[in-house]
């Protein structure tokens, strides 16, 4: 469906960070080296401490990925009950599967008995480097499962294009906002999926910018204490305002457009309402790891708030690459033209 990055070798960046920051009124800050990155030191053990930017904020800059939690379900399987973490034996088994997959990916040729398929070679996929310790991305409620929908949410008319990955192909509006390369929403842009899980954090005095690899969202977040925009101003990604609690970046986002994206993969699932409020926390827990957490409140959709959390890691050489979405997205054109061809064939058969 998409032509986002499948290989992390030699792909260019699709945007200029300096140009992006200039749009936010920060050009004077960003034209030099990477905003205090040189001040970062890879302390280990008890000596590790969070680096600071030249202006004194915690320095979270870098490109972070949730790849290690690829395949971790949003909702916990019932057989795990309230158990958030795998046992050591279960982790060892998962590590063995990762090692086996890495061995398969490293093979440049296939076995003589291998059947030809239509999919890409396995090494094009992105993989976990180590097993995610969690049995689910949802950490609260304790059972690791999304709360029930409210009755009005169950019967809420869902507009065309919201969370629809199995379209009728009557119109381009049948396709989801993700398939149409418009947006995956905030959580859909952070939750781990099969590839494109990069989150590049760039800082300047009074601002934190998060550049998300897939569908190239860019969130410019003021951290200078200003209030939210008027509730009359709404968008797919909402209105974000941040502040610091110790070394933790806290981002509160409101002012969403209702009935656009949900909490399934890539923003699919039941769309949330215009009452949605997200409170994200980015907490450094080691030289190359952030703990991401988001509390979801939508009193028009869910019976109670819930919380998702998982690690983001900084991997050597990892960077955001161009996500050529519209440029190579032939699936929607092919689906629409195929549907029209079938209609013509049916009409012709009916007239014979």
C-alpha atoms as a PDB file:
ATOM      1  CA  UNK A   1       0.000   0.000   0.000  1.00  0.00           C
ATOM      2  CA  UNK A   2       2.728   2.448   0.932  1.00  0.00           C
ATOM      3  CA  UNK A   3       6.265   2.934  -0.290  1.00  0.00           C
ATOM      4  CA  UNK A   4       7.770   3.989   3.017  1.00  0.00           C
ATOM      5  CA  UNK A   5      11.255   2.901   3.959  1.00  0.00           C
ATOM      6  CA  UNK A   6      11.929  -0.819   3.681  1.00  0.00           C
ATOM      7  CA  UNK A   7      15.700  -0.502   3.855  1.00  0.00           C
ATOM      8  CA  UNK A   8      17.727   1.759   6.088  1.00  0.00           C
ATOM      9  CA  UNK A   9      20.629   2.202   3.667  1.00  0.00           C
ATOM     10  CA  UNK A  10      21.159   5.327   1.592  1.00  0.00           C
ATOM     11  CA  UNK A  11      17.639   6.790   1.763  1.00  0.00           C
ATOM     12  CA  UNK A  12      17.538  10.623   1.929  1.00  0.00           C
ATOM     13  CA  UNK A  13      15.755  12.702   4.535  1.00  0.00           C
ATOM     14  CA  UNK A  14      12.588  14.178   2.997  1.00  0.00           C
ATOM     15  CA  UNK A  15      12.561  17.484   4.878  1.00  0.00           C
ATOM     16  CA  UNK A  16      14.865  20.234   6.034  1.00  0.00           C
ATOM     17  CA  UNK A  17      14.867  20.568   9.805  1.00  0.00           C
ATOM     18  CA  UNK A  18      16.080  24.136   9.481  1.00  0.00           C
ATOM     19  CA  UNK A  19      13.161  24.997   7.195  1.00  0.00           C
ATOM     20  CA  UNK A  20      10.680  23.372   9.548  1.00  0.00           C
ATOM     21  CA  UNK A  21      12.033  25.244  12.538  1.00  0.00           C
ATOM     22  CA  UNK A  22      11.995  28.500  10.580  1.00  0.00           C
ATOM     23  CA  UNK A  23       8.262  28.052  10.094  1.00  0.00           C
ATOM     24  CA  UNK A  24       7.942  27.877  13.850  1.00  0.00           C
ATOM     25  CA  UNK A  25      10.024  31.016  14.313  1.00  0.00           C
ATOM     26  CA  UNK A  26      13.145  29.194  15.481  1.00  0.00           C
ATOM     27  CA  UNK A  27      15.612  29.543  12.598  1.00  0.00           C
ATOM     28  CA  UNK A  28      18.203  31.429  14.591  1.00  0.00           C
ATOM     29  CA  UNK A  29      18.504  28.487  16.927  1.00  0.00           C
ATOM     30  CA  UNK A  30      18.579  25.626  14.472  1.00  0.00           C
ATOM     31  CA  UNK A  31      21.131  26.741  11.879  1.00  0.00           C
ATOM     32  CA  UNK A  32      24.035  25.624  14.047  1.00  0.00           C
ATOM     33  CA  UNK A  33      24.921  22.139  15.337  1.00  0.00           C
ATOM     34  CA  UNK A  34      22.196  19.906  16.677  1.00  0.00           C
ATOM     35  CA  UNK A  35      21.062  22.056  19.600  1.00  0.00           C
ATOM     36  CA  UNK A  36      23.434  20.905  22.289  1.00  0.00           C
ATOM     37  CA  UNK A  37      23.804  17.340  21.080  1.00  0.00           C
ATOM     38  CA  UNK A  38      27.543  17.670  21.596  1.00  0.00           C
ATOM     39  CA  UNK A  39      26.863  18.076  25.302  1.00  0.00           C
ATOM     40  CA  UNK A  40      25.426  14.552  25.488  1.00  0.00           C
ATOM     41  CA  UNK A  41      27.658  11.989  27.132  1.00  0.00           C
ATOM     42  CA  UNK A  42      26.916   8.259  27.188  1.00  0.00           C
ATOM     43  CA  UNK A  43      27.168   7.814  30.943  1.00  0.00           C
ATOM     44  CA  UNK A  44      26.440   4.307  32.172  1.00  0.00           C
ATOM     45  CA  UNK A  45      25.411   2.760  35.458  1.00  0.00           C
ATOM     46  CA  UNK A  46      25.132   4.990  38.507  1.00  0.00           C
ATOM     47  CA  UNK A  47      27.026   7.834  36.795  1.00  0.00           C
ATOM     48  CA  UNK A  48      24.384   8.339  34.108  1.00  0.00           C
ATOM     49  CA  UNK A  49      22.511  11.635  34.188  1.00  0.00           C
ATOM     50  CA  UNK A  50      20.196  13.385  31.747  1.00  0.00           C
ATOM     51  CA  UNK A  51      22.064  15.888  29.595  1.00  0.00           C
ATOM     52  CA  UNK A  52      20.868  19.484  29.414  1.00  0.00           C
ATOM     53  CA  UNK A  53      20.472  21.807  26.464  1.00  0.00           C
ATOM     54  CA  UNK A  54      22.466  25.077  26.474  1.00  0.00           C
ATOM     55  CA  UNK A  55      19.322  26.835  27.744  1.00  0.00           C
ATOM     56  CA  UNK A  56      18.851  24.370  30.607  1.00  0.00           C
ATOM     57  CA  UNK A  57      16.043  22.022  29.500  1.00  0.00           C
ATOM     58  CA  UNK A  58      16.504  18.232  29.647  1.00  0.00           C
ATOM     59  CA  UNK A  59      18.016  17.155  26.318  1.00  0.00           C
ATOM     60  CA  UNK A  60      15.843  14.448  24.736  1.00  0.00           C
ATOM     61  CA  UNK A  61      17.099  15.035  21.208  1.00  0.00           C
ATOM     62  CA  UNK A  62      17.788  12.151  18.908  1.00  0.00           C
ATOM     63  CA  UNK A  63      15.882   9.655  16.770  1.00  0.00           C
ATOM     64  CA  UNK A  64      13.989   7.131  18.854  1.00  0.00           C
ATOM     65  CA  UNK A  65      12.195   3.992  17.751  1.00  0.00           C
ATOM     66  CA  UNK A  66       9.603   1.604  19.154  1.00  0.00           C
ATOM     67  CA  UNK A  67      10.842  -1.235  16.908  1.00  0.00           C
ATOM     68  CA  UNK A  68      11.518  -3.520  19.880  1.00  0.00           C
ATOM     69  CA  UNK A  69       7.770  -3.630  20.551  1.00  0.00           C
ATOM     70  CA  UNK A  70       6.777  -4.499  16.969  1.00  0.00           C
ATOM     71  CA  UNK A  71       4.193  -7.245  17.319  1.00  0.00           C
ATOM     72  CA  UNK A  72       3.328  -6.459  20.952  1.00  0.00           C
ATOM     73  CA  UNK A  73      -0.492  -6.324  21.023  1.00  0.00           C
ATOM     74  CA  UNK A  74      -2.309  -3.206  22.142  1.00  0.00           C
ATOM     75  CA  UNK A  75      -4.735  -5.386  24.125  1.00  0.00           C
ATOM     76  CA  UNK A  76      -3.372  -8.180  26.324  1.00  0.00           C
ATOM     77  CA  UNK A  77      -4.342 -11.759  25.604  1.00  0.00           C
ATOM     78  CA  UNK A  78      -6.777 -13.025  28.239  1.00  0.00           C
ATOM     79  CA  UNK A  79      -4.516 -15.916  29.272  1.00  0.00           C
ATOM     80  CA  UNK A  80      -1.985 -13.469  30.758  1.00  0.00           C
ATOM     81  CA  UNK A  81      -4.561 -11.968  33.116  1.00  0.00           C
ATOM     82  CA  UNK A  82      -3.081  -8.979  34.961  1.00  0.00           C
ATOM     83  CA  UNK A  83       0.517  -9.967  34.161  1.00  0.00           C
ATOM     84  CA  UNK A  84       2.229  -7.097  32.346  1.00  0.00           C
ATOM     85  CA  UNK A  85       5.627  -8.744  31.827  1.00  0.00           C
ATOM     86  CA  UNK A  86       6.797 -11.999  30.281  1.00  0.00           C
ATOM     87  CA  UNK A  87       8.721 -14.469  32.414  1.00  0.00           C
ATOM     88  CA  UNK A  88      12.453 -14.923  31.826  1.00  0.00           C
ATOM     89  CA  UNK A  89      11.756 -18.204  30.047  1.00  0.00           C
ATOM     90  CA  UNK A  90       9.194 -16.554  27.771  1.00  0.00           C
ATOM     91  CA  UNK A  91      11.656 -13.744  27.011  1.00  0.00           C
ATOM     92  CA  UNK A  92      14.360 -16.283  26.168  1.00  0.00           C
ATOM     93  CA  UNK A  93      11.990 -18.003  23.744  1.00  0.00           C
ATOM     94  CA  UNK A  94      11.148 -14.697  22.106  1.00  0.00           C
ATOM     95  CA  UNK A  95      14.851 -13.830  21.855  1.00  0.00           C
ATOM     96  CA  UNK A  96      15.464 -17.159  20.120  1.00  0.00           C
ATOM     97  CA  UNK A  97      12.740 -16.342  17.571  1.00  0.00           C
ATOM     98  CA  UNK A  98      14.331 -12.925  16.921  1.00  0.00           C
ATOM     99  CA  UNK A  99      17.729 -14.583  16.379  1.00  0.00           C
ATOM    100  CA  UNK A 100      16.169 -17.098  13.979  1.00  0.00           C
ATOM    101  CA  UNK A 101      14.483 -14.308  12.046  1.00  0.00           C
ATOM    102  CA  UNK A 102      17.762 -12.385  11.834  1.00  0.00           C
ATOM    103  CA  UNK A 103      19.400 -15.503  10.415  1.00  0.00           C
ATOM    104  CA  UNK A 104      16.653 -15.808   7.807  1.00  0.00           C
ATOM    105  CA  UNK A 105      16.892 -12.125   6.922  1.00  0.00           C
ATOM    106  CA  UNK A 106      20.640 -12.404   6.379  1.00  0.00           C
ATOM    107  CA  UNK A 107      20.271 -15.053   3.670  1.00  0.00           C
ATOM    108  CA  UNK A 108      20.794 -13.569   0.218  1.00  0.00           C
ATOM    109  CA  UNK A 109      19.330 -16.569  -1.605  1.00  0.00           C
ATOM    110  CA  UNK A 110      16.363 -18.807  -0.905  1.00  0.00           C
ATOM    111  CA  UNK A 111      16.179 -22.562  -0.649  1.00  0.00           C
ATOM    112  CA  UNK A 112      15.620 -24.456  -3.902  1.00  0.00           C
ATOM    113  CA  UNK A 113      12.281 -25.712  -2.598  1.00  0.00           C
ATOM    114  CA  UNK A 114      11.070 -22.214  -1.675  1.00  0.00           C
ATOM    115  CA  UNK A 115       7.812 -21.304  -3.396  1.00  0.00           C
ATOM    116  CA  UNK A 116       7.627 -17.981  -5.197  1.00  0.00           C
ATOM    117  CA  UNK A 117       5.439 -15.392  -3.491  1.00  0.00           C
ATOM    118  CA  UNK A 118       4.171 -11.924  -4.303  1.00  0.00           C
ATOM    119  CA  UNK A 119       5.474 -10.212  -1.173  1.00  0.00           C
ATOM    120  CA  UNK A 120       8.849  -8.515  -0.668  1.00  0.00           C
ATOM    121  CA  UNK A 121      11.871 -10.451   0.623  1.00  0.00           C
ATOM    122  CA  UNK A 122      11.865 -10.927   4.390  1.00  0.00           C
ATOM    123  CA  UNK A 123      14.882  -8.715   4.987  1.00  0.00           C
ATOM    124  CA  UNK A 124      12.920  -5.685   3.819  1.00  0.00           C
ATOM    125  CA  UNK A 125      10.923  -5.771   7.041  1.00  0.00           C
ATOM    126  CA  UNK A 126      11.997  -3.988  10.221  1.00  0.00           C
ATOM    127  CA  UNK A 127      12.529  -6.136  13.282  1.00  0.00           C
ATOM    128  CA  UNK A 128      12.836  -5.972  17.024  1.00  0.00           C
ATOM    129  CA  UNK A 129      16.450  -6.059  18.174  1.00  0.00           C
ATOM    130  CA  UNK A 130      15.530  -7.485  21.547  1.00  0.00           C
ATOM    131  CA  UNK A 131      12.236  -8.843  22.913  1.00  0.00           C
ATOM    132  CA  UNK A 132       9.733  -6.374  24.337  1.00  0.00           C
ATOM    133  CA  UNK A 133       9.169  -7.355  27.969  1.00  0.00           C
ATOM    134  CA  UNK A 134       5.505  -6.372  27.948  1.00  0.00           C
ATOM    135  CA  UNK A 135       2.543  -8.616  27.214  1.00  0.00           C
ATOM    136  CA  UNK A 136       0.532  -5.601  25.975  1.00  0.00           C
ATOM    137  CA  UNK A 137       0.990  -1.929  25.192  1.00  0.00           C
ATOM    138  CA  UNK A 138      -1.943  -1.030  27.463  1.00  0.00           C
ATOM    139  CA  UNK A 139      -0.723  -0.924  31.068  1.00  0.00           C
ATOM    140  CA  UNK A 140      -3.854   0.414  32.770  1.00  0.00           C
ATOM    141  CA  UNK A 141      -6.488  -1.006  33.413  1.00  0.00           C
ATOM    142  CA  UNK A 142      -4.505  -3.817  35.062  1.00  0.00           C
ATOM    143  CA  UNK A 143      -5.952  -6.404  32.649  1.00  0.00           C
ATOM    144  CA  UNK A 144      -4.201  -4.580  29.797  1.00  0.00           C
ATOM    145  CA  UNK A 145      -7.328  -4.181  27.718  1.00  0.00           C
ATOM    146  CA  UNK A 146      -9.044  -1.147  26.249  1.00  0.00           C
ATOM    147  CA  UNK A 147     -12.116  -0.070  28.232  1.00  0.00           C
ATOM    148  CA  UNK A 148     -15.571  -0.680  26.817  1.00  0.00           C
ATOM    149  CA  UNK A 149     -17.118   1.769  24.422  1.00  0.00           C
ATOM    150  CA  UNK A 150     -19.993   3.884  25.655  1.00  0.00           C
ATOM    151  CA  UNK A 151     -23.395   2.999  24.123  1.00  0.00           C
ATOM    152  CA  UNK A 152     -23.437   6.257  22.153  1.00  0.00           C
ATOM    153  CA  UNK A 153     -19.963   5.476  20.762  1.00  0.00           C
ATOM    154  CA  UNK A 154     -21.104   2.027  19.611  1.00  0.00           C
ATOM    155  CA  UNK A 155     -23.931   3.578  17.606  1.00  0.00           C
ATOM    156  CA  UNK A 156     -22.064   6.734  16.557  1.00  0.00           C
ATOM    157  CA  UNK A 157     -22.244   7.181  12.782  1.00  0.00           C
ATOM    158  CA  UNK A 158     -18.737   6.663  11.461  1.00  0.00           C
ATOM    159  CA  UNK A 159     -17.973   8.942   8.516  1.00  0.00           C
ATOM    160  CA  UNK A 160     -16.498   7.534   5.328  1.00  0.00           C
ATOM    161  CA  UNK A 161     -12.723   7.510   5.508  1.00  0.00           C
ATOM    162  CA  UNK A 162     -12.463   7.028   9.275  1.00  0.00           C
ATOM    163  CA  UNK A 163     -10.613   3.830  10.114  1.00  0.00           C
ATOM    164  CA  UNK A 164     -11.769   2.064   6.957  1.00  0.00           C
ATOM    165  CA  UNK A 165      -9.092  -0.305   5.635  1.00  0.00           C
ATOM    166  CA  UNK A 166     -11.596  -2.485   3.767  1.00  0.00           C
ATOM    167  CA  UNK A 167     -13.254   0.089   1.527  1.00  0.00           C
ATOM    168  CA  UNK A 168     -16.100  -0.412  -0.915  1.00  0.00           C
ATOM    169  CA  UNK A 169     -14.058   1.623  -3.432  1.00  0.00           C
ATOM    170  CA  UNK A 170     -17.092   3.636  -4.510  1.00  0.00           C
ATOM    171  CA  UNK A 171     -15.048   6.804  -3.894  1.00  0.00           C
ATOM    172  CA  UNK A 172     -11.672   7.892  -2.562  1.00  0.00           C
ATOM    173  CA  UNK A 173     -13.586   8.951   0.561  1.00  0.00           C
ATOM    174  CA  UNK A 174     -14.211   5.263   1.337  1.00  0.00           C
ATOM    175  CA  UNK A 175     -10.532   4.900   2.222  1.00  0.00           C
ATOM    176  CA  UNK A 176      -9.081   5.661   5.661  1.00  0.00           C
ATOM    177  CA  UNK A 177      -7.162   8.840   6.387  1.00  0.00           C
ATOM    178  CA  UNK A 178      -4.040   6.687   6.668  1.00  0.00           C
ATOM    179  CA  UNK A 179      -4.547   5.002   3.290  1.00  0.00           C
ATOM    180  CA  UNK A 180      -5.147   8.459   1.809  1.00  0.00           C
ATOM    181  CA  UNK A 181      -1.821   9.671   3.300  1.00  0.00           C
ATOM    182  CA  UNK A 182      -3.541  12.351   5.406  1.00  0.00           C
ATOM    183  CA  UNK A 183      -2.851  11.340   9.012  1.00  0.00           C
ATOM    184  CA  UNK A 184      -2.616   8.452  11.470  1.00  0.00           C
ATOM    185  CA  UNK A 185      -3.424  10.717  14.432  1.00  0.00           C
ATOM    186  CA  UNK A 186      -1.162  11.225  17.438  1.00  0.00           C
ATOM    187  CA  UNK A 187      -1.160   7.726  18.910  1.00  0.00           C
ATOM    188  CA  UNK A 188      -1.284   6.061  15.504  1.00  0.00           C
ATOM    189  CA  UNK A 189       1.959   7.901  14.721  1.00  0.00           C
ATOM    190  CA  UNK A 190       3.704   6.648  17.892  1.00  0.00           C
ATOM    191  CA  UNK A 191       2.437   3.095  18.448  1.00  0.00           C
ATOM    192  CA  UNK A 192       4.758   0.459  16.902  1.00  0.00           C
ATOM    193  CA  UNK A 193       3.756  -1.005  13.545  1.00  0.00           C
ATOM    194  CA  UNK A 194       5.569  -3.102  10.938  1.00  0.00           C
ATOM    195  CA  UNK A 195       7.995  -0.344   9.844  1.00  0.00           C
ATOM    196  CA  UNK A 196       8.615   3.412   9.934  1.00  0.00           C
ATOM    197  CA  UNK A 197       8.640   3.776  13.733  1.00  0.00           C
ATOM    198  CA  UNK A 198      11.114   6.664  13.913  1.00  0.00           C
ATOM    199  CA  UNK A 199      10.439   9.591  16.261  1.00  0.00           C
ATOM    200  CA  UNK A 200      12.990  12.383  15.873  1.00  0.00           C
ATOM    201  CA  UNK A 201      12.999  14.919  18.703  1.00  0.00           C
ATOM    202  CA  UNK A 202      14.435  18.388  18.010  1.00  0.00           C
ATOM    203  CA  UNK A 203      14.544  21.131  20.663  1.00  0.00           C
ATOM    204  CA  UNK A 204      14.903  24.900  20.702  1.00  0.00           C
ATOM    205  CA  UNK A 205      14.247  27.454  23.479  1.00  0.00           C
ATOM    206  CA  UNK A 206      10.514  27.278  24.209  1.00  0.00           C
ATOM    207  CA  UNK A 207       9.782  24.471  21.728  1.00  0.00           C
ATOM    208  CA  UNK A 208      10.040  20.726  21.276  1.00  0.00           C
ATOM    209  CA  UNK A 209       9.426  19.362  17.762  1.00  0.00           C
ATOM    210  CA  UNK A 210       8.648  15.688  17.146  1.00  0.00           C
ATOM    211  CA  UNK A 211       9.123  14.489  13.564  1.00  0.00           C
ATOM    212  CA  UNK A 212       7.417  11.185  12.910  1.00  0.00           C
ATOM    213  CA  UNK A 213       8.689   9.001  10.108  1.00  0.00           C
ATOM    214  CA  UNK A 214       5.576   7.392   8.657  1.00  0.00           C
ATOM    215  CA  UNK A 215       3.187   9.847   6.968  1.00  0.00           C
ATOM    216  CA  UNK A 216       5.761  12.506   7.998  1.00  0.00           C
ATOM    217  CA  UNK A 217       3.766  14.239  10.752  1.00  0.00           C
ATOM    218  CA  UNK A 218       5.562  17.132  12.485  1.00  0.00           C
ATOM    219  CA  UNK A 219       4.384  18.259  15.920  1.00  0.00           C
ATOM    220  CA  UNK A 220       5.750  21.651  17.019  1.00  0.00           C
ATOM    221  CA  UNK A 221       5.042  21.767  20.760  1.00  0.00           C
ATOM    222  CA  UNK A 222       5.422  25.020  22.736  1.00  0.00           C
ATOM    223  CA  UNK A 223       6.853  24.492  26.240  1.00  0.00           C
ATOM    224  CA  UNK A 224       6.757  28.145  27.279  1.00  0.00           C
ATOM    225  CA  UNK A 225       3.549  28.056  29.320  1.00  0.00           C
ATOM    226  CA  UNK A 226       1.185  29.499  26.734  1.00  0.00           C
ATOM    227  CA  UNK A 227      -2.482  28.350  26.926  1.00  0.00           C
ATOM    228  CA  UNK A 228      -4.192  26.098  24.408  1.00  0.00           C
ATOM    229  CA  UNK A 229      -5.618  27.604  21.266  1.00  0.00           C
ATOM    230  CA  UNK A 230      -9.328  28.421  21.107  1.00  0.00           C
ATOM    231  CA  UNK A 231     -11.534  25.292  21.064  1.00  0.00           C
ATOM    232  CA  UNK A 232     -12.798  26.574  17.709  1.00  0.00           C
ATOM    233  CA  UNK A 233      -9.400  25.684  16.215  1.00  0.00           C
ATOM    234  CA  UNK A 234      -9.187  21.927  15.667  1.00  0.00           C
ATOM    235  CA  UNK A 235      -7.035  19.527  13.660  1.00  0.00           C
ATOM    236  CA  UNK A 236      -6.247  15.857  13.058  1.00  0.00           C
ATOM    237  CA  UNK A 237      -3.250  16.047  15.447  1.00  0.00           C
ATOM    238  CA  UNK A 238      -4.870  18.403  17.948  1.00  0.00           C
ATOM    239  CA  UNK A 239      -3.325  21.348  19.805  1.00  0.00           C
ATOM    240  CA  UNK A 240      -0.293  20.322  21.882  1.00  0.00           C
ATOM    241  CA  UNK A 241       1.166  22.162  24.879  1.00  0.00           C
ATOM    242  CA  UNK A 242       4.139  20.883  26.818  1.00  0.00           C
ATOM    243  CA  UNK A 243       5.926  21.447  30.108  1.00  0.00           C
ATOM    244  CA  UNK A 244       8.715  19.822  32.103  1.00  0.00           C
ATOM    245  CA  UNK A 245       8.253  17.813  35.275  1.00  0.00           C
ATOM    246  CA  UNK A 246      11.824  17.204  36.326  1.00  0.00           C
ATOM    247  CA  UNK A 247      13.423  15.425  33.353  1.00  0.00           C
ATOM    248  CA  UNK A 248      10.045  14.310  31.940  1.00  0.00           C
ATOM    249  CA  UNK A 249       8.474  16.085  28.968  1.00  0.00           C
ATOM    250  CA  UNK A 250       4.708  16.212  29.537  1.00  0.00           C
ATOM    251  CA  UNK A 251       2.551  16.992  26.491  1.00  0.00           C
ATOM    252  CA  UNK A 252      -1.183  17.683  26.779  1.00  0.00           C
ATOM    253  CA  UNK A 253      -3.081  17.630  23.496  1.00  0.00           C
ATOM    254  CA  UNK A 254      -6.689  18.750  22.986  1.00  0.00           C
ATOM    255  CA  UNK A 255      -8.736  20.394  20.202  1.00  0.00           C
ATOM    256  CA  UNK A 256      -9.029  17.290  18.040  1.00  0.00           C
ATOM    257  CA  UNK A 257     -11.384  16.914  15.128  1.00  0.00           C
ATOM    258  CA  UNK A 258     -13.904  14.240  16.067  1.00  0.00           C
ATOM    259  CA  UNK A 259     -14.560  11.008  14.151  1.00  0.00           C
ATOM    260  CA  UNK A 260     -11.265  10.930  12.279  1.00  0.00           C
ATOM    261  CA  UNK A 261      -8.761   8.424  13.728  1.00  0.00           C
ATOM    262  CA  UNK A 262      -8.851   5.785  16.453  1.00  0.00           C
ATOM    263  CA  UNK A 263      -6.498   3.651  18.546  1.00  0.00           C
ATOM    264  CA  UNK A 264      -5.972   0.714  16.237  1.00  0.00           C
ATOM    265  CA  UNK A 265      -2.812   0.225  14.148  1.00  0.00           C
ATOM    266  CA  UNK A 266      -2.015   3.340  12.107  1.00  0.00           C
ATOM    267  CA  UNK A 267      -4.933   5.179  13.685  1.00  0.00           C
ATOM    268  CA  UNK A 268      -7.593   2.634  12.712  1.00  0.00           C
ATOM    269  CA  UNK A 269     -10.468   1.329  14.802  1.00  0.00           C
ATOM    270  CA  UNK A 270     -13.409   3.191  16.293  1.00  0.00           C
ATOM    271  CA  UNK A 271     -12.777   6.916  15.804  1.00  0.00           C
ATOM    272  CA  UNK A 272     -12.484   9.101  18.884  1.00  0.00           C
ATOM    273  CA  UNK A 273     -14.571  12.192  19.560  1.00  0.00           C
ATOM    274  CA  UNK A 274     -13.873  15.906  19.737  1.00  0.00           C
ATOM    275  CA  UNK A 275     -13.640  15.528  23.535  1.00  0.00           C
ATOM    276  CA  UNK A 276     -10.416  13.497  23.296  1.00  0.00           C
ATOM    277  CA  UNK A 277      -7.552  14.575  25.555  1.00  0.00           C
ATOM    278  CA  UNK A 278      -4.112  12.936  25.452  1.00  0.00           C
ATOM    279  CA  UNK A 279      -1.455  13.379  28.133  1.00  0.00           C
ATOM    280  CA  UNK A 280       1.912  12.048  26.972  1.00  0.00           C
ATOM    281  CA  UNK A 281       5.048  11.627  29.067  1.00  0.00           C
ATOM    282  CA  UNK A 282       8.551  11.190  27.620  1.00  0.00           C
ATOM    283  CA  UNK A 283      10.882  10.133  30.435  1.00  0.00           C
ATOM    284  CA  UNK A 284      14.598   9.334  29.950  1.00  0.00           C
ATOM    285  CA  UNK A 285      15.428   6.143  31.850  1.00  0.00           C
ATOM    286  CA  UNK A 286      18.901   5.446  30.460  1.00  0.00           C
ATOM    287  CA  UNK A 287      21.511   6.782  28.014  1.00  0.00           C
ATOM    288  CA  UNK A 288      19.600   5.343  25.032  1.00  0.00           C
ATOM    289  CA  UNK A 289      16.060   4.799  26.286  1.00  0.00           C
ATOM    290  CA  UNK A 290      12.925   6.853  26.855  1.00  0.00           C
ATOM    291  CA  UNK A 291       9.790   5.556  28.513  1.00  0.00           C
ATOM    292  CA  UNK A 292       6.773   6.698  26.504  1.00  0.00           C
ATOM    293  CA  UNK A 293       3.408   6.900  28.242  1.00  0.00           C
ATOM    294  CA  UNK A 294       0.065   8.285  27.118  1.00  0.00           C
ATOM    295  CA  UNK A 295      -3.118   8.612  29.138  1.00  0.00           C
ATOM    296  CA  UNK A 296      -6.224   8.599  26.957  1.00  0.00           C
ATOM    297  CA  UNK A 297      -9.360  10.427  28.084  1.00  0.00           C
ATOM    298  CA  UNK A 298     -12.418  10.550  25.859  1.00  0.00           C
ATOM    299  CA  UNK A 299     -15.642  10.822  27.902  1.00  0.00           C
ATOM    300  CA  UNK A 300     -17.741  10.561  24.733  1.00  0.00           C
ATOM    301  CA  UNK A 301     -16.161   7.278  23.613  1.00  0.00           C
ATOM    302  CA  UNK A 302     -14.763   5.157  26.494  1.00  0.00           C
ATOM    303  CA  UNK A 303     -16.222   4.185  29.863  1.00  0.00           C
ATOM    304  CA  UNK A 304     -12.985   5.211  31.602  1.00  0.00           C
ATOM    305  CA  UNK A 305      -9.520   6.596  30.825  1.00  0.00           C
ATOM    306  CA  UNK A 306      -6.734   4.152  29.977  1.00  0.00           C
ATOM    307  CA  UNK A 307      -2.964   4.247  29.701  1.00  0.00           C
ATOM    308  CA  UNK A 308      -0.463   2.945  27.146  1.00  0.00           C
ATOM    309  CA  UNK A 309       3.284   2.735  27.782  1.00  0.00           C
ATOM    310  CA  UNK A 310       6.346   1.197  26.109  1.00  0.00           C
ATOM    311  CA  UNK A 311      10.064   1.942  25.585  1.00  0.00           C
ATOM    312  CA  UNK A 312      11.579   4.081  22.843  1.00  0.00           C
ATOM    313  CA  UNK A 313      15.236   3.344  22.153  1.00  0.00           C
ATOM    314  CA  UNK A 314      17.986   5.220  20.350  1.00  0.00           C
ATOM    315  CA  UNK A 315      19.777   2.785  18.036  1.00  0.00           C
ATOM    316  CA  UNK A 316      23.177   3.468  16.406  1.00  0.00           C
ATOM    317  CA  UNK A 317      22.716   4.696  12.849  1.00  0.00           C
ATOM    318  CA  UNK A 318      18.915   4.859  13.032  1.00  0.00           C
ATOM    319  CA  UNK A 319      17.399   7.886  11.295  1.00  0.00           C
ATOM    320  CA  UNK A 320      14.111   8.999   9.811  1.00  0.00           C
ATOM    321  CA  UNK A 321      13.925   8.418   6.064  1.00  0.00           C
ATOM    322  CA  UNK A 322      11.641   9.785   3.378  1.00  0.00           C
ATOM    323  CA  UNK A 323       8.140   8.349   3.499  1.00  0.00           C
ATOM    324  CA  UNK A 324       6.982   8.667  -0.103  1.00  0.00           C
ATOM    325  CA  UNK A 325       3.286   8.141   0.509  1.00  0.00           C
ATOM    326  CA  UNK A 326       1.274   9.800  -2.256  1.00  0.00           C
ATOM    327  CA  UNK A 327       4.169   9.520  -4.701  1.00  0.00           C
ATOM    328  CA  UNK A 328       4.072   5.728  -4.768  1.00  0.00           C
ATOM    329  CA  UNK A 329       0.589   4.956  -3.490  1.00  0.00           C
ATOM    330  CA  UNK A 330      -0.873   3.074  -6.442  1.00  0.00           C
ATOM    331  CA  UNK A 331      -3.170   0.902  -4.338  1.00  0.00           C
ATOM    332  CA  UNK A 332      -5.972   3.441  -4.031  1.00  0.00           C
ATOM    333  CA  UNK A 333      -5.884   4.225  -7.772  1.00  0.00           C
ATOM    334  CA  UNK A 334      -5.797   0.529  -8.605  1.00  0.00           C
ATOM    335  CA  UNK A 335      -8.647  -0.267  -6.197  1.00  0.00           C
ATOM    336  CA  UNK A 336     -10.857   2.499  -7.607  1.00  0.00           C
ATOM    337  CA  UNK A 337     -10.095   1.706 -11.254  1.00  0.00           C
ATOM    338  CA  UNK A 338     -10.546  -2.017 -10.596  1.00  0.00           C
ATOM    339  CA  UNK A 339     -13.948  -1.396  -9.014  1.00  0.00           C
ATOM    340  CA  UNK A 340     -15.003   0.713 -12.021  1.00  0.00           C
ATOM    341  CA  UNK A 341     -13.836  -2.040 -14.398  1.00  0.00           C
ATOM    342  CA  UNK A 342     -15.882  -4.635 -12.521  1.00  0.00           C
ATOM    343  CA  UNK A 343     -18.937  -2.356 -12.666  1.00  0.00           C
ATOM    344  CA  UNK A 344     -18.555  -1.930 -16.433  1.00  0.00           C
ATOM    345  CA  UNK A 345     -18.171  -5.672 -16.900  1.00  0.00           C
ATOM    346  CA  UNK A 346     -21.288  -6.334 -14.808  1.00  0.00           C
ATOM    347  CA  UNK A 347     -23.275  -3.732 -16.731  1.00  0.00           C
ATOM    348  CA  UNK A 348     -22.151  -5.217 -20.038  1.00  0.00           C
ATOM    349  CA  UNK A 349     -23.119  -8.717 -18.929  1.00  0.00           C
ATOM    350  CA  UNK A 350     -26.532  -7.496 -17.799  1.00  0.00           C
ATOM    351  CA  UNK A 351     -27.231  -5.966 -21.204  1.00  0.00           C
ATOM    352  CA  UNK A 352     -26.392  -9.098 -23.171  1.00  0.00           C
END
